[in-house]
Amino acid sequence: MERNSLIKTSMIASLSLFMTDSTCRLPRYIEQNQAVQSISIPIHTPTSTRFNNSDRYSLEKLKLNKRKLSSFMDLQSNWNGYNGKPIDKNVIETVEGIILNLDFQPQIFPTGRGTIQIESYKDDNNLIEIEISKDSNFLYQVDNGEEIEKDVNIKEIKNIITLFYA
């Protein structure tokens, strides 16, 4: 009786190890009563483009940007030594709302004008700078060497940045 129990325990342990080993990419076979059963464990990568591009959605970059925004609340008058204005809380909240909805996290910087600049940069011929203020939002973009300057609304910004990385 003990021998049968030991054999069953060994078989279960062996089968458990066999079933959980996912390092082998060859089909696995278990012979049982001369019938062959195949166990296949699908190995694939996600198909969403969000995960196929390493620059796309990064929780760490989002956290870093949120910490930066939080630090902007502490900026006082003359924070940069050149009469820099403090950043209005509404501007900070607006930028936070923008970055929370982006697949690609941009660089963010305070400006001496009391605004926040959002930047995405590929090279000197392809870049985006968007300045967010209480009253307006201004886009400066270089697209394949062609300069574009215009006012943009908040709803356009996600699309502009997404298309920039497309």
C-alpha atoms as a PDB file:
ATOM      1  CA  MET A   1       0.000   0.000   0.000  1.00  0.00           C
ATOM      2  CA  GLU A   2       2.814   2.386   0.862  1.00  0.00           C
ATOM      3  CA  ARG A   3       4.568   1.537  -2.400  1.00  0.00           C
ATOM      4  CA  ASN A   4       1.447   2.451  -4.431  1.00  0.00           C
ATOM      5  CA  SER A   5       1.092   5.680  -2.496  1.00  0.00           C
ATOM      6  CA  LEU A   6       4.754   6.515  -3.161  1.00  0.00           C
ATOM      7  CA  ILE A   7       4.333   5.754  -6.882  1.00  0.00           C
ATOM      8  CA  LYS A   8       1.217   7.964  -7.079  1.00  0.00           C
ATOM      9  CA  THR A   9       3.000  10.801  -5.278  1.00  0.00           C
ATOM     10  CA  SER A  10       6.006  10.490  -7.602  1.00  0.00           C
ATOM     11  CA  MET A  11       3.763  10.465 -10.670  1.00  0.00           C
ATOM     12  CA  ILE A  12       1.846  13.539  -9.497  1.00  0.00           C
ATOM     13  CA  ALA A  13       5.064  15.403  -8.709  1.00  0.00           C
ATOM     14  CA  SER A  14       6.588  14.434 -12.061  1.00  0.00           C
ATOM     15  CA  LEU A  15       3.443  15.365 -13.934  1.00  0.00           C
ATOM     16  CA  SER A  16       3.250  18.689 -12.092  1.00  0.00           C
ATOM     17  CA  LEU A  17       6.810  19.543 -13.049  1.00  0.00           C
ATOM     18  CA  PHE A  18       6.176  18.447 -16.625  1.00  0.00           C
ATOM     19  CA  MET A  19       2.968  20.468 -16.899  1.00  0.00           C
ATOM     20  CA  THR A  20       4.442  23.666 -15.439  1.00  0.00           C
ATOM     21  CA  ASP A  21       7.649  23.671 -17.481  1.00  0.00           C
ATOM     22  CA  SER A  22       6.957  26.241 -20.183  1.00  0.00           C
ATOM     23  CA  THR A  23      10.546  26.654 -21.339  1.00  0.00           C
ATOM     24  CA  CYS A  24      10.339  24.058 -24.091  1.00  0.00           C
ATOM     25  CA  ARG A  25       8.619  25.192 -27.271  1.00  0.00           C
ATOM     26  CA  LEU A  26       8.169  21.663 -28.649  1.00  0.00           C
ATOM     27  CA  PRO A  27       4.770  19.939 -28.420  1.00  0.00           C
ATOM     28  CA  ARG A  28       4.384  17.795 -25.324  1.00  0.00           C
ATOM     29  CA  TYR A  29       2.993  14.305 -25.301  1.00  0.00           C
ATOM     30  CA  ILE A  30       1.594  12.105 -22.584  1.00  0.00           C
ATOM     31  CA  GLU A  31       1.060   8.482 -23.472  1.00  0.00           C
ATOM     32  CA  GLN A  32      -1.919   6.948 -21.780  1.00  0.00           C
ATOM     33  CA  ASN A  33      -3.264   3.542 -22.767  1.00  0.00           C
ATOM     34  CA  GLN A  34      -1.456   3.780 -26.107  1.00  0.00           C
ATOM     35  CA  ALA A  35      -3.372   6.952 -26.967  1.00  0.00           C
ATOM     36  CA  VAL A  36      -1.344  10.074 -27.573  1.00  0.00           C
ATOM     37  CA  GLN A  37      -2.666  13.339 -26.216  1.00  0.00           C
ATOM     38  CA  SER A  38      -1.005  16.609 -27.062  1.00  0.00           C
ATOM     39  CA  ILE A  39      -0.845  19.512 -24.663  1.00  0.00           C
ATOM     40  CA  SER A  40      -0.053  22.826 -26.268  1.00  0.00           C
ATOM     41  CA  ILE A  41       0.570  25.972 -24.330  1.00  0.00           C
ATOM     42  CA  PRO A  42       0.185  28.999 -26.579  1.00  0.00           C
ATOM     43  CA  ILE A  43       3.161  31.304 -26.482  1.00  0.00           C
ATOM     44  CA  HIS A  44       2.496  34.663 -28.114  1.00  0.00           C
ATOM     45  CA  THR A  45       3.035  38.333 -27.657  1.00  0.00           C
ATOM     46  CA  PRO A  46       0.266  40.857 -27.205  1.00  0.00           C
ATOM     47  CA  THR A  47      -1.063  42.246 -30.462  1.00  0.00           C
ATOM     48  CA  SER A  48      -1.884  45.697 -29.121  1.00  0.00           C
ATOM     49  CA  THR A  49       0.443  48.331 -30.538  1.00  0.00           C
ATOM     50  CA  ARG A  50       0.468  49.877 -27.093  1.00  0.00           C
ATOM     51  CA  PHE A  51       2.737  47.031 -25.955  1.00  0.00           C
ATOM     52  CA  ASN A  52       4.725  46.492 -29.160  1.00  0.00           C
ATOM     53  CA  ASN A  53       6.477  49.866 -28.997  1.00  0.00           C
ATOM     54  CA  SER A  54       8.816  50.267 -26.032  1.00  0.00           C
ATOM     55  CA  ASP A  55       8.316  54.045 -26.055  1.00  0.00           C
ATOM     56  CA  ARG A  56       4.590  53.622 -25.739  1.00  0.00           C
ATOM     57  CA  TYR A  57       2.786  53.711 -22.414  1.00  0.00           C
ATOM     58  CA  SER A  58       5.212  53.776 -19.511  1.00  0.00           C
ATOM     59  CA  LEU A  59       3.843  53.883 -15.986  1.00  0.00           C
ATOM     60  CA  GLU A  60       7.263  54.981 -14.708  1.00  0.00           C
ATOM     61  CA  LYS A  61       7.365  57.958 -17.092  1.00  0.00           C
ATOM     62  CA  LEU A  62       3.816  58.891 -16.095  1.00  0.00           C
ATOM     63  CA  LYS A  63       4.754  58.754 -12.397  1.00  0.00           C
ATOM     64  CA  LEU A  64       7.807  60.914 -13.071  1.00  0.00           C
ATOM     65  CA  ASN A  65       5.689  63.495 -14.892  1.00  0.00           C
ATOM     66  CA  LYS A  66       3.148  63.540 -12.055  1.00  0.00           C
ATOM     67  CA  ARG A  67       5.964  64.131  -9.525  1.00  0.00           C
ATOM     68  CA  LYS A  68       7.269  66.976 -11.683  1.00  0.00           C
ATOM     69  CA  LEU A  69       3.808  68.538 -11.839  1.00  0.00           C
ATOM     70  CA  SER A  70       3.471  68.259  -8.082  1.00  0.00           C
ATOM     71  CA  SER A  71       6.805  70.039  -7.630  1.00  0.00           C
ATOM     72  CA  PHE A  72       5.634  72.877  -9.910  1.00  0.00           C
ATOM     73  CA  MET A  73       3.064  73.820  -7.233  1.00  0.00           C
ATOM     74  CA  ASP A  74       5.930  74.870  -4.958  1.00  0.00           C
ATOM     75  CA  LEU A  75       7.455  77.346  -7.419  1.00  0.00           C
ATOM     76  CA  GLN A  76       7.388  80.893  -6.023  1.00  0.00           C
ATOM     77  CA  SER A  77       7.841  84.242  -7.769  1.00  0.00           C
ATOM     78  CA  ASN A  78      11.338  84.547  -9.250  1.00  0.00           C
ATOM     79  CA  TRP A  79      11.815  80.763  -8.964  1.00  0.00           C
ATOM     80  CA  ASN A  80      14.260  80.761 -11.876  1.00  0.00           C
ATOM     81  CA  GLY A  81      16.175  83.925 -10.953  1.00  0.00           C
ATOM     82  CA  TYR A  82      14.670  85.771 -13.939  1.00  0.00           C
ATOM     83  CA  ASN A  83      11.345  86.911 -12.429  1.00  0.00           C
ATOM     84  CA  GLY A  84       9.729  83.546 -13.172  1.00  0.00           C
ATOM     85  CA  LYS A  85       6.022  83.433 -12.344  1.00  0.00           C
ATOM     86  CA  PRO A  86       4.507  80.674 -10.201  1.00  0.00           C
ATOM     87  CA  ILE A  87       2.494  78.029 -12.064  1.00  0.00           C
ATOM     88  CA  ASP A  88      -1.269  78.344 -11.590  1.00  0.00           C
ATOM     89  CA  LYS A  89      -2.926  75.267 -10.046  1.00  0.00           C
ATOM     90  CA  ASN A  90      -5.433  75.108 -12.945  1.00  0.00           C
ATOM     91  CA  VAL A  91      -2.575  74.891 -15.463  1.00  0.00           C
ATOM     92  CA  ILE A  92      -1.032  72.015 -13.477  1.00  0.00           C
ATOM     93  CA  GLU A  93      -4.383  70.194 -13.350  1.00  0.00           C
ATOM     94  CA  THR A  94      -4.898  70.733 -17.086  1.00  0.00           C
ATOM     95  CA  VAL A  95      -1.494  69.241 -17.910  1.00  0.00           C
ATOM     96  CA  GLU A  96      -2.126  66.322 -15.554  1.00  0.00           C
ATOM     97  CA  GLY A  97      -5.390  65.617 -17.394  1.00  0.00           C
ATOM     98  CA  ILE A  98      -3.512  65.668 -20.692  1.00  0.00           C
ATOM     99  CA  ILE A  99      -0.679  63.325 -19.685  1.00  0.00           C
ATOM    100  CA  LEU A 100      -3.025  60.808 -18.058  1.00  0.00           C
ATOM    101  CA  ASN A 101      -4.572  60.158 -21.479  1.00  0.00           C
ATOM    102  CA  LEU A 102      -1.377  59.887 -23.522  1.00  0.00           C
ATOM    103  CA  ASP A 103       0.193  56.661 -24.765  1.00  0.00           C
ATOM    104  CA  PHE A 104       3.559  58.419 -25.092  1.00  0.00           C
ATOM    105  CA  GLN A 105       4.755  60.444 -22.120  1.00  0.00           C
ATOM    106  CA  PRO A 106       6.317  63.753 -23.156  1.00  0.00           C
ATOM    107  CA  GLN A 107       8.871  65.821 -21.292  1.00  0.00           C
ATOM    108  CA  ILE A 108       7.283  68.571 -19.204  1.00  0.00           C
ATOM    109  CA  PHE A 109       8.888  71.794 -17.992  1.00  0.00           C
ATOM    110  CA  PRO A 110       7.788  74.935 -16.163  1.00  0.00           C
ATOM    111  CA  THR A 111       8.402  78.197 -18.006  1.00  0.00           C
ATOM    112  CA  GLY A 112       9.170  81.617 -16.570  1.00  0.00           C
ATOM    113  CA  ARG A 113       5.836  82.851 -17.961  1.00  0.00           C
ATOM    114  CA  GLY A 114       3.877  80.731 -15.466  1.00  0.00           C
ATOM    115  CA  THR A 115       3.044  78.122 -18.095  1.00  0.00           C
ATOM    116  CA  ILE A 116       4.003  74.486 -18.613  1.00  0.00           C
ATOM    117  CA  GLN A 117       5.679  73.276 -21.767  1.00  0.00           C
ATOM    118  CA  ILE A 118       5.047  69.759 -23.073  1.00  0.00           C
ATOM    119  CA  GLU A 119       7.761  68.483 -25.418  1.00  0.00           C
ATOM    120  CA  SER A 120       8.238  65.447 -27.607  1.00  0.00           C
ATOM    121  CA  TYR A 121      11.440  65.201 -29.590  1.00  0.00           C
ATOM    122  CA  LYS A 122      12.642  62.750 -32.238  1.00  0.00           C
ATOM    123  CA  ASP A 123      15.357  64.855 -33.883  1.00  0.00           C
ATOM    124  CA  ASP A 124      15.967  68.445 -35.008  1.00  0.00           C
ATOM    125  CA  ASN A 125      13.570  67.963 -37.934  1.00  0.00           C
ATOM    126  CA  ASN A 126      10.770  66.335 -35.914  1.00  0.00           C
ATOM    127  CA  LEU A 127       9.662  67.807 -32.606  1.00  0.00           C
ATOM    128  CA  ILE A 128       6.653  69.183 -30.770  1.00  0.00           C
ATOM    129  CA  GLU A 129       6.491  71.895 -28.117  1.00  0.00           C
ATOM    130  CA  ILE A 130       3.094  72.743 -26.631  1.00  0.00           C
ATOM    131  CA  GLU A 131       2.814  75.557 -24.111  1.00  0.00           C
ATOM    132  CA  ILE A 132      -0.164  75.292 -21.754  1.00  0.00           C
ATOM    133  CA  SER A 133      -1.393  78.450 -20.005  1.00  0.00           C
ATOM    134  CA  LYS A 134      -4.587  79.526 -18.225  1.00  0.00           C
ATOM    135  CA  ASP A 135      -5.929  81.249 -21.320  1.00  0.00           C
ATOM    136  CA  SER A 136      -4.499  79.471 -24.364  1.00  0.00           C
ATOM    137  CA  ASN A 137      -2.350  76.627 -25.662  1.00  0.00           C
ATOM    138  CA  PHE A 138       0.279  77.176 -28.302  1.00  0.00           C
ATOM    139  CA  LEU A 139       1.851  74.535 -30.556  1.00  0.00           C
ATOM    140  CA  TYR A 140       5.256  74.786 -32.173  1.00  0.00           C
ATOM    141  CA  GLN A 141       5.978  71.740 -34.323  1.00  0.00           C
ATOM    142  CA  VAL A 142       8.706  70.797 -36.744  1.00  0.00           C
ATOM    143  CA  ASP A 143       7.444  68.044 -39.044  1.00  0.00           C
ATOM    144  CA  ASN A 144      10.135  66.737 -41.420  1.00  0.00           C
ATOM    145  CA  GLY A 145      11.811  70.132 -41.290  1.00  0.00           C
ATOM    146  CA  GLU A 146       8.604  72.142 -41.855  1.00  0.00           C
ATOM    147  CA  GLU A 147       7.751  74.521 -38.991  1.00  0.00           C
ATOM    148  CA  ILE A 148       4.156  74.849 -37.789  1.00  0.00           C
ATOM    149  CA  GLU A 149       2.968  77.383 -35.208  1.00  0.00           C
ATOM    150  CA  LYS A 150      -0.651  77.639 -34.082  1.00  0.00           C
ATOM    151  CA  ASP A 151      -3.058  77.799 -31.175  1.00  0.00           C
ATOM    152  CA  VAL A 152      -4.532  74.422 -30.213  1.00  0.00           C
ATOM    153  CA  ASN A 153      -7.284  73.323 -27.880  1.00  0.00           C
ATOM    154  CA  ILE A 154      -6.868  70.705 -25.171  1.00  0.00           C
ATOM    155  CA  LYS A 155      -8.889  68.104 -27.103  1.00  0.00           C
ATOM    156  CA  GLU A 156      -6.417  68.228 -30.033  1.00  0.00           C
ATOM    157  CA  ILE A 157      -3.268  67.620 -27.975  1.00  0.00           C
ATOM    158  CA  LYS A 158      -3.579  63.837 -27.518  1.00  0.00           C
ATOM    159  CA  ASN A 159      -4.123  63.365 -31.241  1.00  0.00           C
ATOM    160  CA  ILE A 160      -1.198  65.662 -32.122  1.00  0.00           C
ATOM    161  CA  ILE A 161       1.206  63.717 -29.895  1.00  0.00           C
ATOM    162  CA  THR A 162      -0.109  60.311 -31.041  1.00  0.00           C
ATOM    163  CA  LEU A 163       0.276  61.273 -34.712  1.00  0.00           C
ATOM    164  CA  PHE A 164       3.770  62.562 -33.991  1.00  0.00           C
ATOM    165  CA  TYR A 165       4.844  59.044 -32.946  1.00  0.00           C
ATOM    166  CA  ALA A 166       2.918  57.238 -35.714  1.00  0.00           C
END
